[in-house]
Amino acid sequence: MRALVHAAAALLTLLSLAHTFWSGLDGRAVALSFGLLVTLGELTRWSGPESREAAPLAAAGALSYALLGEDAGRATHHGAFQVVAVVVAATLVGCVPHVARGQGPTADHLARRVLTAGFAAICFQPLYNQGVFEAWGGPAYVLLLVALLVLTALCDAVLAAALAHARTGWPFGPLLRDELRAMLGIGTAVCATGVVMALAVAVVGLWALPVFSLPLLLTQLAFRRYAAVRATYRQTIASLARATEIAGYTPAGHARRVAVLSRAVGRELGLSEAELTVLEYAALMHDIGQLSLVDPVPAGATAVLPVEEQRRIALLGGAVVRQTGVAAAVAVVVERQADPYREQPVSARIVRTVNAYEEKVRDAGAGGPLRALEELRLGTGRDYQPEVVESLGRVLARNGGVVRERIG
């Protein structure tokens, strides 16, 4: 699937560049202005983990150029191929400093930018140049542009989910759901800015570009600050989770390994991004109740303790989590660790299963993962949900027993 998307983007790029070189650049001032806008957007791109759209200004500029019909009352005649050629050239120029620092955009990002800009331009430019929209005026024309942008955003969400599915093997449905939810954030700002810039340039000319770019740049700055707060919050939770390791109650790296594997299993089961965040935080802090023990459990393996002792540790852990100010949903997952799985929320089932697997497989040798999974399957009558155990098995099989995912 990824190869097909990349090939389609490469083919559209080659056709667009060849057509533009052959026929020449129509409306050079307009093309240069929008090209500079896309370049500026790429220069201010952000590669933070919380960002769905790393270069919102570039995306808005590309969409605006694709839907541009007039410049200060004068009709434009650039076609869809020229839109793609200008967007590709400007994107590549803007990416140069990031590539030099080793932080350039991925092939998936470039393919999405080319295909979404091309989709919007192909839907609008041929019909506009043929005079189909001459009778459309006022609110009807605005609604047309909004409808085209919504359709383009849906196309981009499907592309992003399909590429992520092909890259990671995670279920397509939850990935698409998360992409659609993310559209309500920076995606809405990108679409709104794209429409407003296209309409404003049609009336007042190219001076509208810097005026209407500023609000989106400020929005991008606000998202960066919000992401920085989220990153600090994660680091605080990760540091708190290490208290059991520093005190000698659990092995080094245990909480992080459980969090990474739990998140992977949660994705396999189709949890949303918000549910995965709660799962991650709970997995990091699932052993914090062990700090109440006078004598540490050997290797922190609470799965071998009596059920009542497990429940007491879990309840104490939930109480500690509540005192830290972490979301109540995280505390619920932590304090429900020792309950029968049929009474647990899904996140608690995942953390309990993954924690037991990590304890069983530790220092078990080459055949440890298979033996640990078999023991978990034998415990599906009360302790572990069968679907979670099987999802864990699929995740391990797909990753060769080693799972790596960004935490914190």
Protein backbone atom coordinates (compact mmCIF):
# COMPACT_ATOMS: atom_id res chain seq x y z
CA MET A 1 0.00 0.00 0.00
CA ARG A 2 2.76 2.46 0.88
CA ALA A 3 4.57 1.69 -2.34
CA LEU A 4 1.37 2.32 -4.31
CA VAL A 5 0.77 5.69 -2.61
CA HIS A 6 4.39 6.76 -3.08
CA ALA A 7 4.30 5.69 -6.74
CA ALA A 8 1.09 7.65 -7.34
CA ALA A 9 2.60 10.76 -5.73
CA ALA A 10 5.83 10.37 -7.75
CA LEU A 11 3.90 9.92 -11.00
CA LEU A 12 1.73 13.00 -10.33
CA THR A 13 4.85 15.00 -9.48
CA LEU A 14 6.65 14.00 -12.69
CA LEU A 15 3.61 14.73 -14.85
CA SER A 16 3.09 18.11 -13.17
CA LEU A 17 6.72 19.19 -13.50
CA ALA A 18 6.90 18.05 -17.13
CA HIS A 19 3.66 19.85 -18.03
CA THR A 20 4.72 23.04 -16.27
CA PHE A 21 8.17 23.08 -17.92
CA TRP A 22 6.59 22.43 -21.30
CA SER A 23 3.77 24.99 -21.14
CA GLY A 24 5.45 27.57 -18.92
CA LEU A 25 4.37 29.15 -15.65
CA ASP A 26 1.04 30.97 -15.78
CA GLY A 27 0.63 33.93 -13.43
CA ARG A 28 4.21 34.02 -12.21
CA ALA A 29 3.62 36.57 -9.45
CA VAL A 30 0.79 34.50 -8.00
CA ALA A 31 2.75 31.25 -8.31
CA LEU A 32 5.83 32.84 -6.70
CA SER A 33 3.79 34.29 -3.82
CA PHE A 34 2.10 31.01 -2.98
CA GLY A 35 5.39 29.17 -3.46
CA LEU A 36 7.05 31.47 -0.92
CA LEU A 37 4.14 30.90 1.47
CA VAL A 38 4.52 27.10 1.23
CA THR A 39 8.31 27.44 1.64
CA LEU A 40 7.84 29.58 4.75
CA GLY A 41 5.42 26.98 6.11
CA GLU A 42 7.97 24.24 5.61
CA LEU A 43 10.73 26.32 7.17
CA THR A 44 8.58 26.72 10.30
CA ARG A 45 7.61 23.06 10.34
CA TRP A 46 7.53 21.30 13.68
CA SER A 47 8.51 17.68 14.15
CA GLY A 48 7.07 17.25 17.65
CA PRO A 49 5.36 13.94 18.52
CA GLU A 50 2.06 15.66 19.37
CA SER A 51 1.63 17.22 15.94
CA ARG A 52 -0.53 15.60 13.27
CA GLU A 53 0.20 18.36 10.74
CA ALA A 54 3.86 19.37 11.06
CA ALA A 55 3.62 22.31 8.64
CA PRO A 56 0.09 23.77 8.87
CA LEU A 57 0.95 27.01 7.09
CA ALA A 58 2.40 25.10 4.13
CA ALA A 59 -0.69 22.88 4.01
CA ALA A 60 -3.03 25.88 4.10
CA GLY A 61 -1.03 27.66 1.40
CA ALA A 62 -1.09 24.61 -0.86
CA LEU A 63 -4.85 24.17 -0.45
CA SER A 64 -5.48 27.88 -0.99
CA TYR A 65 -3.50 27.88 -4.25
CA ALA A 66 -5.35 24.77 -5.39
CA LEU A 67 -8.70 26.53 -4.87
CA LEU A 68 -7.68 29.96 -6.15
CA GLY A 69 -9.88 31.31 -8.94
CA GLU A 70 -9.13 35.04 -9.02
CA ASP A 71 -6.40 37.48 -8.04
CA ALA A 72 -7.82 40.91 -7.12
CA GLY A 73 -10.78 40.40 -9.44
CA ARG A 74 -8.72 39.04 -12.34
CA ALA A 75 -9.31 35.42 -13.30
CA THR A 76 -6.36 33.06 -12.92
CA HIS A 77 -5.64 30.33 -15.44
CA HIS A 78 -3.12 28.08 -13.74
CA GLY A 79 -4.18 24.46 -13.87
CA ALA A 80 -3.97 21.51 -11.51
CA PHE A 81 -0.56 20.43 -12.82
CA GLN A 82 0.94 23.86 -12.09
CA VAL A 83 -0.49 23.75 -8.55
CA VAL A 84 1.25 20.44 -7.87
CA ALA A 85 4.50 21.60 -9.46
CA VAL A 86 4.64 24.81 -7.40
CA VAL A 87 3.74 22.97 -4.17
CA VAL A 88 6.36 20.28 -4.75
CA ALA A 89 9.11 22.77 -5.62
CA ALA A 90 8.32 25.03 -2.66
CA THR A 91 8.08 22.08 -0.26
CA LEU A 92 11.47 20.71 -1.34
CA VAL A 93 13.11 24.14 -0.98
CA GLY A 94 11.62 24.61 2.49
CA CYS A 95 12.77 21.15 3.57
CA VAL A 96 16.46 21.76 2.84
CA PRO A 97 17.42 23.15 6.30
CA HIS A 98 15.50 20.37 8.06
CA VAL A 99 17.16 17.70 5.91
CA ALA A 100 20.56 19.23 6.71
CA ARG A 101 19.77 18.77 10.42
CA GLY A 102 18.50 15.24 9.87
CA GLN A 103 14.92 16.25 10.65
CA GLY A 104 13.40 16.35 7.19
CA PRO A 105 9.88 15.20 6.34
CA THR A 106 9.23 11.55 5.66
CA ALA A 107 8.29 10.12 2.27
CA ASP A 108 4.78 9.57 3.66
CA HIS A 109 4.43 13.27 4.49
CA LEU A 110 5.59 14.34 1.03
CA ALA A 111 3.27 11.85 -0.67
CA ARG A 112 0.30 13.11 1.35
CA ARG A 113 1.13 16.75 0.56
CA VAL A 114 1.36 16.04 -3.18
CA LEU A 115 -1.77 13.89 -3.38
CA THR A 116 -4.00 16.12 -1.25
CA ALA A 117 -2.96 19.29 -3.09
CA GLY A 118 -3.41 17.46 -6.39
CA PHE A 119 -6.82 16.15 -5.34
CA ALA A 120 -8.10 19.62 -4.43
CA ALA A 121 -6.67 21.18 -7.61
CA ILE A 122 -8.06 18.49 -9.89
CA CYS A 123 -11.51 18.87 -8.31
CA PHE A 124 -11.51 22.67 -8.73
CA GLN A 125 -9.18 24.03 -11.41
CA PRO A 126 -10.47 22.26 -14.57
CA LEU A 127 -14.08 23.14 -13.77
CA TYR A 128 -13.22 26.72 -12.87
CA ASN A 129 -11.17 27.26 -16.04
CA GLN A 130 -14.10 25.95 -18.11
CA GLY A 131 -16.42 28.52 -16.54
CA VAL A 132 -18.56 26.01 -14.66
CA PHE A 133 -18.52 28.16 -11.50
CA GLU A 134 -19.29 31.50 -13.16
CA ALA A 135 -22.90 31.35 -11.96
CA TRP A 136 -21.79 30.56 -8.42
CA GLY A 137 -21.52 33.65 -6.28
CA GLY A 138 -21.67 34.78 -2.70
CA PRO A 139 -22.47 32.15 -0.08
CA ALA A 140 -22.84 29.40 -2.71
CA TYR A 141 -19.24 29.83 -3.85
CA VAL A 142 -17.97 29.87 -0.26
CA LEU A 143 -19.88 26.68 0.51
CA LEU A 144 -18.39 25.10 -2.61
CA LEU A 145 -14.86 25.83 -1.43
CA VAL A 146 -15.64 24.58 2.07
CA ALA A 147 -17.14 21.36 0.66
CA LEU A 148 -14.07 20.77 -1.51
CA LEU A 149 -11.76 21.34 1.47
CA VAL A 150 -13.77 18.98 3.67
CA LEU A 151 -13.56 16.34 0.93
CA THR A 152 -9.81 16.95 0.63
CA ALA A 153 -9.37 16.67 4.41
CA LEU A 154 -11.23 13.34 4.39
CA CYS A 155 -8.98 12.15 1.57
CA ASP A 156 -5.91 13.16 3.58
CA ALA A 157 -7.23 11.36 6.69
CA VAL A 158 -7.77 8.15 4.71
CA LEU A 159 -4.28 8.44 3.19
CA ALA A 160 -2.68 9.05 6.61
CA ALA A 161 -4.49 6.09 8.17
CA ALA A 162 -3.67 3.80 5.24
CA LEU A 163 0.01 4.74 5.34
CA ALA A 164 0.17 4.27 9.11
CA HIS A 165 -1.55 0.88 8.76
CA ALA A 166 0.92 -0.23 6.10
CA ARG A 167 3.87 1.07 8.12
CA THR A 168 2.93 -0.36 11.52
CA GLY A 169 0.34 -3.08 10.94
CA TRP A 170 -2.04 -1.44 13.43
CA PRO A 171 -5.79 -1.79 12.69
CA PHE A 172 -6.99 0.62 10.00
CA GLY A 173 -10.33 1.50 11.62
CA PRO A 174 -8.96 2.98 14.87
CA LEU A 175 -6.22 4.78 12.95
CA LEU A 176 -8.81 6.40 10.68
CA ARG A 177 -10.94 7.30 13.69
CA ASP A 178 -7.98 9.04 15.34
CA GLU A 179 -7.16 10.91 12.12
CA LEU A 180 -10.74 12.14 11.82
CA ARG A 181 -10.74 13.27 15.45
CA ALA A 182 -7.44 15.08 14.92
CA MET A 183 -9.03 17.04 12.08
CA LEU A 184 -11.05 18.94 14.68
CA GLY A 185 -7.84 20.49 15.99
CA ILE A 186 -5.18 21.96 13.72
CA GLY A 187 -6.92 20.44 10.68
CA THR A 188 -9.87 22.79 11.13
CA ALA A 189 -7.55 25.78 11.33
CA VAL A 190 -5.73 24.68 8.16
CA CYS A 191 -8.97 24.27 6.18
CA ALA A 192 -10.43 27.55 7.43
CA THR A 193 -7.25 29.45 6.59
CA GLY A 194 -7.09 27.87 3.15
CA VAL A 195 -10.64 28.98 2.31
CA VAL A 196 -10.21 32.49 3.73
CA MET A 197 -6.92 33.08 1.88
CA ALA A 198 -8.39 31.93 -1.45
CA LEU A 199 -11.39 34.22 -1.01
CA ALA A 200 -9.32 37.17 0.24
CA VAL A 201 -6.78 37.00 -2.59
CA ALA A 202 -9.67 36.96 -5.06
CA VAL A 203 -10.83 40.31 -3.66
CA VAL A 204 -7.78 42.26 -2.45
CA GLY A 205 -4.92 40.45 -4.14
CA LEU A 206 -1.75 38.85 -2.85
CA TRP A 207 -1.46 41.25 0.10
CA ALA A 208 -4.00 39.01 1.83
CA LEU A 209 -1.47 36.18 2.16
CA PRO A 210 0.72 37.63 4.95
CA VAL A 211 -2.33 39.06 6.75
CA PHE A 212 -4.15 35.74 6.96
CA SER A 213 -1.01 33.68 7.56
CA LEU A 214 -0.33 35.31 10.93
CA PRO A 215 -3.31 33.76 12.82
CA LEU A 216 -2.30 30.26 11.71
CA LEU A 217 1.31 30.85 12.77
CA LEU A 218 0.06 31.93 16.19
CA THR A 219 -2.17 28.83 16.35
CA GLN A 220 0.84 26.67 15.51
CA LEU A 221 2.81 28.33 18.31
CA ALA A 222 -0.04 27.62 20.75
CA PHE A 223 -0.08 23.96 19.73
CA ARG A 224 3.68 23.75 20.27
CA ARG A 225 3.34 25.14 23.79
CA TYR A 226 0.50 22.75 24.54
CA ALA A 227 2.62 19.84 23.29
CA ALA A 228 5.52 21.01 25.45
CA VAL A 229 3.24 20.95 28.50
CA ARG A 230 2.08 17.44 27.58
CA ALA A 231 5.68 16.29 27.16
CA THR A 232 6.61 17.69 30.58
CA TYR A 233 3.58 15.96 32.08
CA ARG A 234 4.68 12.64 30.57
CA GLN A 235 8.21 13.07 31.86
CA THR A 236 6.89 13.79 35.35
CA ILE A 237 4.82 10.60 35.32
CA ALA A 238 7.77 8.59 33.98
CA SER A 239 10.01 10.00 36.73
CA LEU A 240 7.44 9.17 39.39
CA ALA A 241 7.12 5.64 38.00
CA ARG A 242 10.87 5.14 38.42
CA ALA A 243 10.53 5.55 42.19
CA THR A 244 9.92 1.81 42.59
CA GLU A 245 13.02 1.04 40.52
CA ILE A 246 15.22 3.45 42.46
CA ALA A 247 13.96 2.01 45.76
CA GLY A 248 14.75 -1.51 44.57
CA TYR A 249 11.15 -2.77 44.42
CA THR A 250 11.11 -3.45 40.67
CA PRO A 251 13.83 -4.18 38.09
CA ALA A 252 15.24 -1.29 36.08
CA GLY A 253 13.16 -0.47 33.01
CA HIS A 254 10.23 -2.69 34.03
CA ALA A 255 7.60 0.09 34.02
CA ARG A 256 8.75 1.42 30.66
CA ARG A 257 8.73 -2.04 29.06
CA VAL A 258 5.21 -2.68 30.35
CA ALA A 259 4.07 0.74 29.08
CA VAL A 260 5.51 0.23 25.60
CA LEU A 261 4.07 -3.26 25.21
CA SER A 262 0.72 -2.27 26.73
CA ARG A 263 0.38 0.59 24.27
CA ALA A 264 1.12 -1.76 21.37
CA VAL A 265 -1.50 -4.24 22.58
CA GLY A 266 -3.97 -1.38 23.05
CA ARG A 267 -3.44 -0.33 19.45
CA GLU A 268 -3.95 -3.91 18.34
CA LEU A 269 -7.27 -3.95 20.18
CA GLY A 270 -8.36 -0.68 18.56
CA LEU A 271 -8.19 1.74 21.49
CA SER A 272 -8.43 5.44 20.66
CA GLU A 273 -5.52 7.84 21.16
CA ALA A 274 -7.06 9.19 24.38
CA GLU A 275 -7.53 5.66 25.73
CA LEU A 276 -3.95 4.80 24.77
CA THR A 277 -2.69 7.78 26.76
CA VAL A 278 -4.57 6.62 29.87
CA LEU A 279 -3.24 3.10 29.28
CA GLU A 280 0.33 4.36 28.95
CA TYR A 281 0.19 6.41 32.15
CA ALA A 282 -1.41 3.55 34.10
CA ALA A 283 1.18 1.08 32.83
CA LEU A 284 4.00 3.38 33.90
CA MET A 285 2.55 3.69 37.43
CA HIS A 286 1.04 0.23 37.90
CA ASP A 287 3.64 -0.85 40.49
CA ILE A 288 3.75 2.31 42.56
CA GLY A 289 1.69 0.67 45.32
CA GLN A 290 4.69 -1.56 46.09
CA LEU A 291 6.26 1.36 47.90
CA SER A 292 3.94 0.46 50.80
CA LEU A 293 5.66 -2.92 51.27
CA VAL A 294 8.11 -3.32 54.14
CA ASP A 295 10.03 -6.03 52.30
CA PRO A 296 10.21 -5.85 48.50
CA VAL A 297 8.77 -8.74 46.51
CA PRO A 298 11.58 -10.63 44.73
CA ALA A 299 12.07 -8.94 41.31
CA GLY A 300 8.82 -7.02 41.91
CA ALA A 301 6.78 -10.01 40.71
CA THR A 302 3.41 -9.26 42.32
CA ALA A 303 1.64 -11.85 40.14
CA VAL A 304 2.82 -14.60 42.54
CA LEU A 305 1.38 -12.90 45.64
CA PRO A 306 -1.98 -13.87 47.19
CA VAL A 307 -4.95 -12.12 45.58
CA GLU A 308 -5.75 -10.09 48.70
CA GLU A 309 -2.19 -8.79 48.87
CA GLN A 310 -2.30 -7.92 45.18
CA ARG A 311 -5.55 -6.04 45.71
CA ARG A 312 -4.14 -4.12 48.68
CA ILE A 313 -1.10 -3.04 46.67
CA ALA A 314 -3.31 -2.03 43.74
CA LEU A 315 -5.62 0.06 45.93
CA LEU A 316 -2.67 1.80 47.58
CA GLY A 317 -1.20 2.46 44.14
CA GLY A 318 -4.48 4.00 42.97
CA ALA A 319 -4.54 6.23 46.05
CA VAL A 320 -1.00 7.44 45.34
CA VAL A 321 -1.91 8.17 41.71
CA ARG A 322 -4.91 10.22 42.80
CA GLN A 323 -2.68 12.29 45.10
CA THR A 324 -0.36 13.16 42.19
CA GLY A 325 -3.12 14.94 40.27
CA VAL A 326 -3.06 12.50 37.37
CA ALA A 327 -6.42 11.88 35.66
CA ALA A 328 -8.84 9.79 37.70
CA ALA A 329 -9.14 7.30 34.83
CA VAL A 330 -5.47 6.38 35.33
CA ALA A 331 -6.02 5.76 39.05
CA VAL A 332 -9.00 3.49 38.27
CA VAL A 333 -6.85 1.34 35.99
CA VAL A 334 -4.10 1.08 38.61
CA GLU A 335 -6.41 0.15 41.50
CA ARG A 336 -8.32 -2.46 39.50
CA GLN A 337 -5.26 -4.56 38.68
CA ALA A 338 -6.10 -7.42 41.04
CA ASP A 339 -9.79 -7.76 40.12
CA PRO A 340 -11.07 -10.64 37.99
CA TYR A 341 -10.69 -9.56 34.38
CA ARG A 342 -14.45 -9.62 33.72
CA GLU A 343 -14.81 -6.83 36.29
CA GLN A 344 -11.90 -4.75 34.97
CA PRO A 345 -11.90 -1.97 32.39
CA VAL A 346 -10.11 -2.90 29.17
CA SER A 347 -7.00 -0.87 30.03
CA ALA A 348 -6.63 -2.69 33.36
CA ARG A 349 -6.91 -6.05 31.58
CA ILE A 350 -4.13 -5.05 29.22
CA VAL A 351 -1.78 -3.78 31.93
CA ARG A 352 -2.35 -6.87 34.07
CA THR A 353 -1.69 -9.24 31.17
CA VAL A 354 1.39 -7.42 29.91
CA ASN A 355 2.82 -7.05 33.43
CA ALA A 356 2.40 -10.78 34.05
CA TYR A 357 4.05 -11.56 30.71
CA GLU A 358 6.98 -9.25 31.47
CA GLU A 359 7.47 -10.87 34.87
CA LYS A 360 7.31 -14.40 33.45
CA VAL A 361 9.60 -13.77 30.49
CA ARG A 362 12.29 -11.95 32.45
CA ASP A 363 15.54 -13.93 32.47
CA ALA A 364 13.68 -16.95 31.06
CA GLY A 365 16.00 -17.61 28.14
CA ALA A 366 15.26 -18.22 24.46
CA GLY A 367 12.03 -20.15 24.98
CA GLY A 368 10.70 -17.79 27.65
CA PRO A 369 8.22 -15.81 25.49
CA LEU A 370 6.45 -18.92 24.23
CA ARG A 371 6.25 -20.45 27.72
CA ALA A 372 5.01 -17.16 29.18
CA LEU A 373 2.25 -16.87 26.56
CA GLU A 374 1.20 -20.45 27.21
CA GLU A 375 0.99 -19.79 30.95
CA LEU A 376 -1.13 -16.69 30.28
CA ARG A 377 -3.47 -18.75 28.08
CA LEU A 378 -3.87 -21.23 30.92
CA GLY A 379 -4.90 -18.33 33.19
CA THR A 380 -7.67 -17.01 30.93
CA GLY A 381 -10.35 -18.59 33.11
CA ARG A 382 -10.09 -15.83 35.72
CA ASP A 383 -7.00 -13.67 35.52
CA TYR A 384 -6.45 -12.74 31.87
CA GLN A 385 -8.88 -11.92 29.08
CA PRO A 386 -8.36 -14.32 26.14
CA GLU A 387 -8.64 -11.54 23.54
CA VAL A 388 -5.92 -9.53 25.29
CA VAL A 389 -3.61 -12.54 25.49
CA GLU A 390 -4.10 -13.30 21.80
CA SER A 391 -3.51 -9.66 20.88
CA LEU A 392 -0.31 -9.75 22.90
CA GLY A 393 0.73 -12.86 20.97
CA ARG A 394 0.08 -11.14 17.63
CA VAL A 395 2.04 -8.05 18.66
CA LEU A 396 5.01 -10.18 19.75
CA ALA A 397 4.87 -12.32 16.62
CA ARG A 398 4.74 -9.28 14.35
CA ASN A 399 7.68 -7.62 16.08
CA GLY A 400 9.80 -10.69 16.66
CA GLY A 401 9.28 -10.44 20.41
CA VAL A 402 10.71 -6.91 20.60
CA VAL A 403 8.37 -3.92 20.65
CA ARG A 404 9.62 -0.37 20.36
CA GLU A 405 7.35 2.66 20.55
CA ARG A 406 7.92 6.23 21.66
CA ILE A 407 7.02 6.87 25.31
CA GLY A 408 7.43 10.27 26.89
